[in-house]
Amino acid sequence: MTELGIGIGWRPEIADAVEELPGIDWVEVVAENVCAGHLPDSLARLRARGVTVVPHGVSLGLGGADRPDPERLAALAEKAEALGAPLVTEHIAFVRAGGPLTASPRLEAGHLLPVPRTRDALDVLCENVRIAQESLPVPLALENIAALFSWPGEELSEGRFLAELVERTGVRLLIDVANLHTNHRNRGEDPARALAELPVEAIAYVHVAGGVERDGVWHDTHAHPVPAPVLDILADLAGRVAPPGVLLERDDHFPPAAELAAELTAIRATVTTARRRPAPAAAPHDRPASRHGVGAAALRAGRALAGGDPLLIGAGARVSGGLMPAVARPAAGARTAPGTTPAPAPAPREGGAAVAAPESTAPVPAGDEARQRVGVGQVAVLSALVAGTPVPEGFDVRRMRVQSRALAGKRASVVARIAPELPEILGAGFRPAFLAYARTRPMPGSYRRDALDFVESLLLDERPERRELTRWWRERTDSRPAGLAGRVARAARLVFGGR
């Protein structure tokens, strides 16, 4: 396992600060935000200094019902080679659904959504992981994600789901302790139990990030300071195994460099202190409260370095894609079985030391029947979230509505980021107008297309900003927006599932 050390997520907005932060051993970059043939100068300078760079993908959707897209895999492989990365990482999630497998319109989430922890979903995931592993030039590690809702009828706990995934594929794990905290707050899942059940010897590295509570729901924003409970879970993990790497994620509302340095100091202190403590007893239901105080003390030390308490600031979202350029030419239900016997627990650990991971065995190929069952469930969920169809039976309607609003809010934030002229044109009306558009218009294949479709919908409404919006459209497509009849026809095609 590659020893990485302490790192931070590289983002263009903090590129200069990252280069100057002391004690940075490595950085992680969102894979979809870089081009293999033209790396940002900041990343090139970091690589020249010997700083390891790891590409972190967000769009493969390995937990989806379809097999991985060969073009996306090839692009990720190319970026790994361009960066000289020792591994690549992705997520245990689905990000799109529909298509020929389910004879339904293709839908994009624009975000990471949880897979059901069922045998069908695990079979599909294992086969998708094996396909990805065969396509990548370096090892793959997968991240547990945060979720605002749960699937009904799940058959496995998170820890056992991850343990079986590792046993069947040999994939490594990227454990996000902030996501364990989020799932504890939102789904009542015990992070200590998850850590006790998963094969910690398979951990490639660890993510640490902040979030915020709104209306009784914890949002993993990556835009707020790391709270003490997240550092407590990190301490629990570091007391069980020495993580090869730990990385601070920040994706929005970036603080001054001194605050980033303080959070890194708190993370480093948490890991160092936890390593000096005896390994915790193997009691799967012990909560990380036994280590409370480790994270809080580290957080106080970090805040002292920064000169005061960090402020809680607005929510953000990971953004894939840069500014939307002006161009010269047009741009071209899962099957459940509540009575199923749980999978056997992972191999025991002797004397506090991890037993070597078992040799990976080839997964049983996921037949089209299993993929179809998983796909039907995912289509129903995603359609309810982005297209306004009824929430499937068994799901928490309130949580699904929260998730739906979160997806629409992220779309608005990303479109505002890549097309900053639109908030300038629409002023305070931008966000309400976009959220109204998103309620009935699922996300197309890209955020760039989303921005164009949004403007087209505004032109259909004959808004007073029509002149400025038309100019914006023409600068990016080198064409005139469709006339009223054409726009009505296009809107009808979108409503009825066509393009």
Protein backbone atom coordinates (compact mmCIF):
# COMPACT_ATOMS: atom_id res chain seq x y z
CA MET A 1 0.00 0.00 0.00
CA THR A 2 1.43 3.40 -1.01
CA GLU A 3 2.26 5.64 1.97
CA LEU A 4 0.80 9.04 1.15
CA GLY A 5 0.91 11.06 4.38
CA ILE A 6 -1.17 14.18 5.01
CA GLY A 7 -2.74 15.90 2.02
CA ILE A 8 -5.39 18.29 0.78
CA GLY A 9 -7.81 18.39 -2.13
CA TRP A 10 -6.35 20.57 -4.88
CA ARG A 11 -8.85 23.05 -6.29
CA PRO A 12 -8.14 25.94 -8.69
CA GLU A 13 -9.52 28.45 -6.18
CA ILE A 14 -6.88 27.53 -3.57
CA ALA A 15 -4.06 26.44 -5.88
CA ASP A 16 -1.65 29.12 -4.65
CA ALA A 17 -2.46 28.41 -1.00
CA VAL A 18 -1.95 24.66 -1.48
CA GLU A 19 1.51 25.23 -2.93
CA GLU A 20 2.49 27.29 0.13
CA LEU A 21 0.93 25.16 2.89
CA PRO A 22 3.58 23.49 5.06
CA GLY A 23 3.72 19.73 5.43
CA ILE A 24 1.65 18.78 2.37
CA ASP A 25 2.75 15.32 1.24
CA TRP A 26 0.17 14.82 -1.52
CA VAL A 27 -2.90 16.26 -3.20
CA GLU A 28 -6.04 14.86 -4.75
CA VAL A 29 -7.61 16.38 -7.85
CA VAL A 30 -11.11 15.86 -9.23
CA ALA A 31 -10.34 13.82 -12.34
CA GLU A 32 -13.08 15.41 -14.44
CA ASN A 33 -11.57 18.86 -13.79
CA VAL A 34 -8.21 18.24 -15.47
CA CYS A 35 -7.08 17.47 -18.99
CA ALA A 36 -4.36 14.85 -19.39
CA GLY A 37 -2.67 16.81 -22.16
CA HIS A 38 -2.70 20.17 -20.40
CA LEU A 39 -2.27 19.97 -16.63
CA PRO A 40 -2.65 23.19 -14.62
CA ASP A 41 0.67 24.91 -13.93
CA SER A 42 0.14 24.56 -10.18
CA LEU A 43 -0.18 20.78 -10.41
CA ALA A 44 2.91 20.63 -12.63
CA ARG A 45 4.89 22.59 -10.03
CA LEU A 46 3.68 20.33 -7.22
CA ARG A 47 4.67 17.24 -9.18
CA ALA A 48 8.10 18.73 -9.87
CA ARG A 49 8.55 19.11 -6.11
CA GLY A 50 7.77 15.43 -5.61
CA VAL A 51 4.22 15.89 -4.35
CA THR A 52 2.04 12.89 -5.24
CA VAL A 53 -1.15 13.69 -7.18
CA VAL A 54 -4.12 11.28 -7.08
CA PRO A 55 -7.05 11.64 -9.53
CA HIS A 56 -10.45 11.28 -7.86
CA GLY A 57 -13.31 10.48 -10.23
CA VAL A 58 -16.93 11.50 -9.66
CA SER A 59 -18.75 10.37 -12.82
CA LEU A 60 -18.10 6.66 -13.48
CA GLY A 61 -21.18 5.55 -11.55
CA LEU A 62 -19.81 2.09 -10.74
CA GLY A 63 -22.85 1.40 -8.55
CA GLY A 64 -25.19 1.94 -11.50
CA ALA A 65 -26.97 -0.87 -13.32
CA ASP A 66 -25.06 -0.37 -16.58
CA ARG A 67 -21.52 -1.54 -17.18
CA PRO A 68 -18.92 1.25 -16.97
CA ASP A 69 -18.54 3.49 -19.99
CA PRO A 70 -15.29 2.53 -21.80
CA GLU A 71 -14.65 6.15 -22.82
CA ARG A 72 -14.88 7.38 -19.23
CA LEU A 73 -12.57 4.59 -18.09
CA ALA A 74 -10.06 5.41 -20.83
CA ALA A 75 -10.10 9.09 -19.84
CA LEU A 76 -9.49 8.24 -16.18
CA ALA A 77 -6.65 5.89 -17.13
CA GLU A 78 -5.07 8.60 -19.29
CA LYS A 79 -5.18 11.11 -16.44
CA ALA A 80 -3.67 8.63 -13.99
CA GLU A 81 -0.73 8.10 -16.34
CA ALA A 82 -0.32 11.83 -17.03
CA LEU A 83 -0.20 12.55 -13.29
CA GLY A 84 2.08 9.61 -12.48
CA ALA A 85 -0.49 8.59 -9.89
CA PRO A 86 0.05 5.50 -7.70
CA LEU A 87 -3.71 4.83 -7.68
CA VAL A 88 -7.05 6.28 -8.77
CA THR A 89 -10.22 6.60 -6.73
CA GLU A 90 -13.95 6.68 -7.38
CA HIS A 91 -17.21 6.21 -5.45
CA ILE A 92 -19.64 3.46 -4.54
CA ALA A 93 -22.58 5.29 -6.05
CA PHE A 94 -24.83 5.64 -9.04
CA VAL A 95 -25.00 8.94 -10.91
CA ARG A 96 -27.33 8.11 -13.80
CA ALA A 97 -30.09 5.63 -14.62
CA GLY A 98 -32.36 4.56 -17.44
CA GLY A 99 -31.59 3.75 -21.04
CA PRO A 100 -31.96 0.52 -23.04
CA LEU A 101 -31.53 -1.77 -20.02
CA THR A 102 -34.79 -0.52 -18.50
CA ALA A 103 -36.44 0.82 -21.69
CA SER A 104 -36.73 4.24 -20.06
CA PRO A 105 -35.33 7.72 -20.72
CA ARG A 106 -31.76 8.29 -19.60
CA LEU A 107 -31.58 10.41 -16.43
CA GLU A 108 -28.56 12.17 -14.89
CA ALA A 109 -28.33 12.94 -11.18
CA GLY A 110 -25.41 15.37 -11.33
CA HIS A 111 -24.38 14.00 -7.96
CA LEU A 112 -23.51 10.80 -6.10
CA LEU A 113 -26.47 8.71 -4.95
CA PRO A 114 -26.41 5.65 -2.67
CA VAL A 115 -26.75 2.12 -4.02
CA PRO A 116 -29.04 -0.33 -2.21
CA ARG A 117 -27.07 -2.71 0.00
CA THR A 118 -28.63 -5.80 -1.53
CA ARG A 119 -27.18 -8.95 -3.05
CA ASP A 120 -28.25 -7.88 -6.53
CA ALA A 121 -26.60 -4.48 -6.18
CA LEU A 122 -23.44 -6.04 -4.77
CA ASP A 123 -23.22 -8.51 -7.69
CA VAL A 124 -23.57 -5.66 -10.19
CA LEU A 125 -21.06 -3.48 -8.35
CA CYS A 126 -18.48 -6.27 -8.16
CA GLU A 127 -18.65 -6.93 -11.89
CA ASN A 128 -18.42 -3.21 -12.67
CA VAL A 129 -15.42 -2.87 -10.38
CA ARG A 130 -13.67 -5.78 -12.10
CA ILE A 131 -14.27 -4.17 -15.50
CA ALA A 132 -12.80 -0.90 -14.21
CA GLN A 133 -9.78 -2.62 -12.68
CA GLU A 134 -8.97 -4.29 -15.99
CA SER A 135 -9.10 -0.91 -17.74
CA LEU A 136 -6.95 1.11 -15.34
CA PRO A 137 -3.13 1.14 -15.24
CA VAL A 138 -2.97 1.52 -11.43
CA PRO A 139 -4.94 0.16 -8.46
CA LEU A 140 -8.48 1.41 -7.83
CA ALA A 141 -9.89 2.49 -4.47
CA LEU A 142 -13.57 3.18 -3.84
CA GLU A 143 -15.15 5.66 -1.44
CA ASN A 144 -18.16 5.21 0.80
CA ILE A 145 -20.58 8.07 0.19
CA ALA A 146 -22.84 10.23 2.34
CA ALA A 147 -26.58 9.75 1.90
CA LEU A 148 -29.67 11.73 2.77
CA PHE A 149 -32.02 8.76 2.35
CA SER A 150 -32.04 4.99 2.83
CA TRP A 151 -33.25 2.22 0.54
CA PRO A 152 -35.94 -0.01 2.04
CA GLY A 153 -35.22 -3.71 2.45
CA GLU A 154 -31.43 -3.50 2.60
CA GLU A 155 -29.74 -6.83 3.34
CA LEU A 156 -26.27 -5.76 4.49
CA SER A 157 -24.79 -3.16 6.79
CA GLU A 158 -22.34 -0.69 5.29
CA GLY A 159 -19.34 -2.43 6.87
CA ARG A 160 -20.33 -5.88 5.60
CA PHE A 161 -21.19 -4.53 2.16
CA LEU A 162 -17.69 -3.03 1.90
CA ALA A 163 -16.06 -6.16 3.34
CA GLU A 164 -17.68 -8.41 0.75
CA LEU A 165 -16.80 -5.97 -2.03
CA VAL A 166 -13.12 -6.12 -1.01
CA GLU A 167 -13.14 -9.90 -0.63
CA ARG A 168 -14.69 -10.48 -4.05
CA THR A 169 -12.72 -7.91 -6.08
CA GLY A 170 -9.54 -7.04 -4.16
CA VAL A 171 -10.45 -3.35 -4.56
CA ARG A 172 -9.01 -0.92 -2.03
CA LEU A 173 -11.08 1.43 0.10
CA LEU A 174 -11.16 5.18 0.46
CA ILE A 175 -12.92 5.69 3.78
CA ASP A 176 -14.55 9.09 4.21
CA VAL A 177 -15.04 9.58 7.96
CA ALA A 178 -17.19 12.65 7.30
CA ASN A 179 -19.54 10.43 5.30
CA LEU A 180 -19.69 7.94 8.18
CA HIS A 181 -20.68 10.87 10.41
CA THR A 182 -23.29 12.01 7.89
CA ASN A 183 -24.84 8.55 7.71
CA HIS A 184 -24.85 8.36 11.51
CA ARG A 185 -26.75 11.63 11.72
CA ASN A 186 -29.15 10.99 8.83
CA ARG A 187 -29.63 7.22 8.84
CA GLY A 188 -28.80 6.23 12.41
CA GLU A 189 -25.84 4.07 11.34
CA ASP A 190 -23.08 3.48 13.87
CA PRO A 191 -19.66 4.55 12.52
CA ALA A 192 -17.83 2.41 15.10
CA ARG A 193 -19.73 -0.67 13.94
CA ALA A 194 -18.89 0.11 10.31
CA LEU A 195 -15.19 0.43 11.17
CA ALA A 196 -15.29 -2.82 13.15
CA GLU A 197 -16.85 -4.72 10.24
CA LEU A 198 -14.82 -3.45 7.31
CA PRO A 199 -11.34 -4.77 6.40
CA VAL A 200 -9.23 -1.83 7.58
CA GLU A 201 -6.13 -3.40 6.03
CA ALA A 202 -7.65 -2.57 2.62
CA ILE A 203 -7.79 1.18 3.31
CA ALA A 204 -5.81 3.19 0.74
CA TYR A 205 -6.48 6.54 2.40
CA VAL A 206 -9.03 8.56 4.35
CA HIS A 207 -11.12 11.67 3.60
CA VAL A 208 -11.94 14.30 6.21
CA ALA A 209 -14.42 17.13 5.53
CA GLY A 210 -16.96 19.44 7.12
CA GLY A 211 -20.69 19.89 6.84
CA VAL A 212 -23.66 21.60 8.44
CA GLU A 213 -27.07 20.72 9.86
CA ARG A 214 -30.21 22.25 8.35
CA ASP A 215 -33.74 21.39 9.40
CA GLY A 216 -32.62 18.28 11.24
CA VAL A 217 -30.62 16.89 8.29
CA TRP A 218 -26.81 16.83 8.14
CA HIS A 219 -25.43 18.01 4.80
CA ASP A 220 -21.93 16.93 3.77
CA THR A 221 -21.10 20.27 2.14
CA HIS A 222 -17.28 20.27 2.00
CA ALA A 223 -17.77 23.99 2.58
CA HIS A 224 -17.64 24.19 6.37
CA PRO A 225 -14.96 23.50 9.01
CA VAL A 226 -14.36 19.92 10.11
CA PRO A 227 -16.42 19.30 13.28
CA ALA A 228 -15.08 17.49 16.33
CA PRO A 229 -17.27 14.37 15.84
CA VAL A 230 -15.67 13.77 12.44
CA LEU A 231 -12.21 13.96 14.02
CA ASP A 232 -13.41 11.53 16.70
CA ILE A 233 -14.30 8.98 14.01
CA LEU A 234 -10.89 9.60 12.42
CA ALA A 235 -9.32 8.88 15.82
CA ASP A 236 -11.31 5.64 16.10
CA LEU A 237 -10.10 4.56 12.65
CA ALA A 238 -6.47 5.55 13.30
CA GLY A 239 -6.59 3.57 16.55
CA ARG A 240 -7.45 0.44 14.57
CA VAL A 241 -4.99 0.85 11.69
CA ALA A 242 -2.37 3.37 10.59
CA PRO A 243 -4.02 4.94 7.51
CA PRO A 244 -1.58 5.25 4.58
CA GLY A 245 -2.93 8.73 3.88
CA VAL A 246 -5.38 11.27 5.23
CA LEU A 247 -6.74 14.11 3.10
CA LEU A 248 -8.70 17.29 3.89
CA GLU A 249 -11.47 18.05 1.38
CA ARG A 250 -12.75 21.56 0.77
CA ASP A 251 -14.85 22.29 -2.31
CA ASP A 252 -16.45 25.67 -1.75
CA HIS A 253 -16.44 28.82 0.42
CA PHE A 254 -12.70 28.47 0.79
CA PRO A 255 -11.25 29.98 3.98
CA PRO A 256 -7.90 31.77 4.35
CA ALA A 257 -4.81 29.61 4.10
CA ALA A 258 -4.28 29.90 7.88
CA GLU A 259 -7.59 28.15 8.53
CA LEU A 260 -6.74 25.35 6.11
CA ALA A 261 -3.38 24.97 7.86
CA ALA A 262 -5.16 24.81 11.22
CA GLU A 263 -7.46 22.03 10.03
CA LEU A 264 -4.51 20.07 8.68
CA THR A 265 -2.78 20.50 12.05
CA ALA A 266 -5.88 19.17 13.80
CA ILE A 267 -6.01 16.16 11.46
CA ARG A 268 -2.33 15.39 11.96
CA ALA A 269 -2.66 15.68 15.76
CA THR A 270 -5.72 13.41 15.77
CA VAL A 271 -3.93 10.65 13.85
CA THR A 272 -0.74 10.95 15.88
CA THR A 273 -2.55 10.85 19.23
CA ALA A 274 -4.76 7.92 18.21
CA ARG A 275 -1.77 5.86 17.13
CA ARG A 276 -0.31 6.09 20.64
CA ARG A 277 -3.45 4.59 22.19
CA PRO A 278 -4.15 0.87 22.48
CA ALA A 279 -6.34 -0.61 19.78
CA PRO A 280 -10.06 -0.58 20.71
CA ALA A 281 -11.72 -3.77 21.85
CA ALA A 282 -13.63 -5.57 19.11
CA ALA A 283 -17.08 -4.49 20.24
CA PRO A 284 -19.02 -3.69 17.08
CA HIS A 285 -21.62 -1.53 18.80
CA ASP A 286 -19.20 0.69 20.74
CA ARG A 287 -19.63 4.23 19.57
CA PRO A 288 -16.67 6.52 18.91
CA ALA A 289 -17.62 8.38 22.11
CA SER A 290 -14.86 6.37 23.81
CA ARG A 291 -12.45 8.60 21.92
CA HIS A 292 -14.33 11.86 22.30
CA GLY A 293 -11.93 14.55 23.29
CA VAL A 294 -9.20 13.49 20.88
CA GLY A 295 -10.85 15.28 17.98
CA ALA A 296 -12.02 18.17 20.13
CA ALA A 297 -8.53 18.73 21.54
CA ALA A 298 -6.99 18.62 18.07
CA LEU A 299 -9.62 21.04 16.82
CA ARG A 300 -8.80 23.47 19.63
CA ALA A 301 -5.10 23.23 18.76
CA GLY A 302 -5.83 23.96 15.11
CA ARG A 303 -8.07 26.90 15.94
CA ALA A 304 -5.41 28.34 18.19
CA LEU A 305 -2.98 28.23 15.29
CA ALA A 306 -5.48 30.04 13.09
CA GLY A 307 -6.10 32.68 15.73
CA GLY A 308 -9.75 31.98 16.51
CA ASP A 309 -12.81 29.84 15.82
CA PRO A 310 -13.47 29.28 12.10
CA LEU A 311 -16.78 30.69 10.92
CA LEU A 312 -19.55 28.47 9.67
CA ILE A 313 -20.11 29.58 6.11
CA GLY A 314 -22.50 28.78 3.31
CA ALA A 315 -23.08 25.41 1.73
CA GLY A 316 -21.18 24.33 -1.35
CA ALA A 317 -20.87 21.42 -3.72
CA ARG A 318 -18.11 19.73 -5.62
CA VAL A 319 -17.97 21.25 -9.08
CA SER A 320 -16.96 19.33 -12.18
CA GLY A 321 -16.01 21.66 -14.98
CA GLY A 322 -14.61 25.14 -15.41
CA LEU A 323 -16.06 28.32 -16.85
CA MET A 324 -18.37 27.85 -19.79
CA PRO A 325 -16.43 29.18 -22.78
CA ALA A 326 -17.75 31.21 -25.64
CA VAL A 327 -17.33 29.17 -28.82
CA ALA A 328 -17.25 29.89 -32.52
CA ARG A 329 -19.48 26.96 -33.58
CA PRO A 330 -22.46 25.09 -32.13
CA ALA A 331 -21.69 22.46 -29.54
CA ALA A 332 -22.43 19.37 -30.99
CA GLY A 333 -36.08 -1.24 -7.97
CA ALA A 334 -33.72 -3.46 -6.67
CA ARG A 335 -34.89 -6.91 -5.55
CA THR A 336 -34.85 -7.19 -1.77
CA ALA A 337 -34.96 -10.16 0.56
CA PRO A 338 -35.24 -9.05 4.18
CA GLY A 339 -34.99 -12.65 5.38
CA THR A 340 -31.69 -13.31 3.61
CA THR A 341 -28.97 -14.63 5.88
CA PRO A 342 -26.28 -11.97 6.40
CA ALA A 343 -22.86 -12.46 4.86
CA PRO A 344 -20.15 -13.88 7.15
CA ALA A 345 -18.11 -11.33 9.04
CA PRO A 346 -14.68 -10.40 7.66
CA ALA A 347 -11.61 -12.29 8.83
CA PRO A 348 -10.78 -11.69 12.52
CA ARG A 349 -7.82 -9.71 13.70
CA GLU A 350 -5.33 -11.41 16.00
CA GLY A 351 -3.80 -9.51 18.85
CA GLY A 352 -4.97 -6.17 17.50
CA ALA A 353 -3.07 -6.66 14.21
CA ALA A 354 -4.91 -7.00 10.95
CA VAL A 355 -4.87 -10.40 9.33
CA ALA A 356 -3.77 -10.28 5.70
CA ALA A 357 -6.62 -9.69 3.29
CA PRO A 358 -7.79 -12.85 1.54
CA GLU A 359 -6.87 -13.32 -2.07
CA SER A 360 -9.52 -11.79 -4.30
CA THR A 361 -11.83 -14.16 -6.09
CA ALA A 362 -13.49 -13.43 -9.38
CA PRO A 363 -17.05 -12.16 -8.82
CA VAL A 364 -19.98 -14.10 -10.16
CA PRO A 365 -20.99 -12.24 -13.35
CA ALA A 366 -24.07 -10.13 -12.79
CA GLY A 367 -26.69 -11.36 -15.23
CA ASP A 368 -28.90 -8.98 -17.10
CA GLU A 369 -31.76 -9.98 -14.79
CA ALA A 370 -29.92 -8.63 -11.74
CA ARG A 371 -28.86 -5.53 -13.62
CA GLN A 372 -32.42 -4.97 -14.75
CA ARG A 373 -33.78 -5.28 -11.21
CA VAL A 374 -31.20 -2.83 -9.92
CA GLY A 375 -31.81 -0.52 -12.87
CA VAL A 376 -35.58 -0.41 -12.43
CA GLY A 377 -35.18 0.58 -8.79
CA GLN A 378 -32.61 3.26 -9.59
CA VAL A 379 -34.73 4.72 -12.39
CA ALA A 380 -37.72 4.98 -10.05
CA VAL A 381 -35.65 6.73 -7.39
CA LEU A 382 -33.87 9.12 -9.76
CA SER A 383 -37.09 9.98 -11.59
CA ALA A 384 -38.69 10.92 -8.27
CA LEU A 385 -35.68 13.08 -7.41
CA VAL A 386 -35.22 14.95 -10.69
CA ALA A 387 -38.39 14.57 -12.74
CA GLY A 388 -41.14 14.98 -10.16
CA THR A 389 -42.59 11.45 -10.38
CA PRO A 390 -44.05 9.88 -7.21
CA VAL A 391 -41.66 8.66 -4.54
CA PRO A 392 -41.41 4.83 -4.70
CA GLU A 393 -43.08 2.85 -1.94
CA GLY A 394 -41.01 2.31 1.19
CA PHE A 395 -38.88 5.46 0.90
CA ASP A 396 -39.01 8.33 3.38
CA VAL A 397 -40.87 10.98 1.40
CA ARG A 398 -39.48 13.88 3.45
CA ARG A 399 -35.88 12.74 2.99
CA MET A 400 -36.42 12.21 -0.71
CA ARG A 401 -37.70 15.77 -1.01
CA VAL A 402 -34.63 17.04 0.85
CA GLN A 403 -32.44 15.09 -1.58
CA SER A 404 -34.36 16.45 -4.55
CA ARG A 405 -33.88 20.03 -3.37
CA ALA A 406 -30.19 19.35 -2.75
CA LEU A 407 -29.71 18.03 -6.31
CA ALA A 408 -31.48 21.05 -7.80
CA GLY A 409 -29.48 23.39 -5.58
CA LYS A 410 -26.22 21.84 -6.70
CA ARG A 411 -27.22 22.18 -10.35
CA ALA A 412 -27.93 25.87 -9.76
CA SER A 413 -24.58 26.38 -8.02
CA VAL A 414 -22.61 24.62 -10.74
CA VAL A 415 -24.38 26.44 -13.58
CA ALA A 416 -23.70 29.73 -11.78
CA ARG A 417 -20.04 28.72 -11.55
CA ILE A 418 -19.53 27.73 -15.18
CA ALA A 419 -21.80 30.46 -16.60
CA PRO A 420 -21.29 33.41 -14.20
CA GLU A 421 -22.92 35.81 -16.67
CA LEU A 422 -26.34 34.29 -15.96
CA PRO A 423 -26.54 35.39 -12.29
CA GLU A 424 -25.33 38.81 -13.45
CA ILE A 425 -28.09 39.02 -16.08
CA LEU A 426 -30.87 37.70 -13.84
CA GLY A 427 -29.69 39.13 -10.53
CA ALA A 428 -31.60 37.86 -7.48
CA GLY A 429 -33.99 36.05 -9.82
CA PHE A 430 -31.37 33.57 -11.03
CA ARG A 431 -31.69 30.92 -8.32
CA PRO A 432 -35.52 30.92 -8.05
CA ALA A 433 -35.77 30.74 -11.85
CA PHE A 434 -33.30 27.88 -12.06
CA LEU A 435 -34.97 25.89 -9.27
CA ALA A 436 -38.35 26.32 -10.99
CA TYR A 437 -36.79 25.06 -14.24
CA ALA A 438 -35.11 22.11 -12.48
CA ARG A 439 -38.34 20.89 -10.86
CA THR A 440 -39.60 19.52 -14.14
CA ARG A 441 -36.47 19.38 -16.29
CA PRO A 442 -34.05 16.55 -15.46
CA MET A 443 -30.39 17.32 -15.91
CA PRO A 444 -29.09 16.66 -19.45
CA GLY A 445 -25.74 15.04 -20.13
CA SER A 446 -23.58 17.95 -18.97
CA TYR A 447 -23.73 21.15 -16.96
CA ARG A 448 -22.94 23.11 -20.11
CA ARG A 449 -26.03 21.66 -21.77
CA ASP A 450 -27.97 22.37 -18.58
CA ALA A 451 -27.06 26.06 -18.80
CA LEU A 452 -28.13 26.22 -22.45
CA ASP A 453 -31.42 24.43 -21.74
CA PHE A 454 -32.08 26.77 -18.81
CA VAL A 455 -31.62 29.83 -20.99
CA GLU A 456 -33.82 28.30 -23.67
CA SER A 457 -36.58 27.83 -21.09
CA LEU A 458 -36.24 31.47 -20.05
CA LEU A 459 -36.55 32.62 -23.66
CA LEU A 460 -39.67 30.51 -23.98
CA ASP A 461 -41.14 32.48 -21.05
CA GLU A 462 -40.49 35.78 -22.86
CA ARG A 463 -38.64 37.29 -19.89
CA PRO A 464 -37.63 40.99 -19.85
CA GLU A 465 -33.94 39.97 -20.00
CA ARG A 466 -34.54 38.41 -23.42
CA ARG A 467 -32.06 40.65 -25.25
CA GLU A 468 -29.15 39.87 -22.88
CA LEU A 469 -30.04 36.16 -22.76
CA THR A 470 -30.18 35.95 -26.56
CA ARG A 471 -26.75 37.57 -26.81
CA TRP A 472 -25.37 35.12 -24.24
CA TRP A 473 -26.83 32.21 -26.20
CA ARG A 474 -25.39 33.34 -29.54
CA GLU A 475 -21.89 33.85 -28.08
CA ARG A 476 -21.86 30.20 -27.00
CA THR A 477 -23.57 28.51 -29.91
CA ASP A 478 -23.03 30.79 -32.92
CA SER A 479 -26.71 30.39 -33.72
CA ARG A 480 -29.99 32.08 -33.05
CA PRO A 481 -32.28 30.61 -30.40
CA ALA A 482 -35.20 28.72 -31.86
CA GLY A 483 -38.34 30.70 -32.59
CA LEU A 484 -41.41 30.33 -30.44
CA ALA A 485 -42.75 27.33 -32.38
CA GLY A 486 -39.38 25.60 -32.31
CA ARG A 487 -38.95 26.22 -28.59
CA VAL A 488 -42.43 24.85 -27.84
CA ALA A 489 -41.66 21.73 -29.90
CA ARG A 490 -38.35 21.23 -28.11
CA ALA A 491 -40.00 21.68 -24.71
CA ALA A 492 -42.60 19.07 -25.65
CA ARG A 493 -39.90 16.60 -26.68
CA LEU A 494 -38.13 17.08 -23.36
CA VAL A 495 -41.32 16.62 -21.36
CA PHE A 496 -42.14 13.39 -23.15
CA GLY A 497 -38.64 11.95 -22.83
CA GLY A 498 -37.08 12.81 -26.17
CA ARG A 499 -34.12 15.03 -27.02
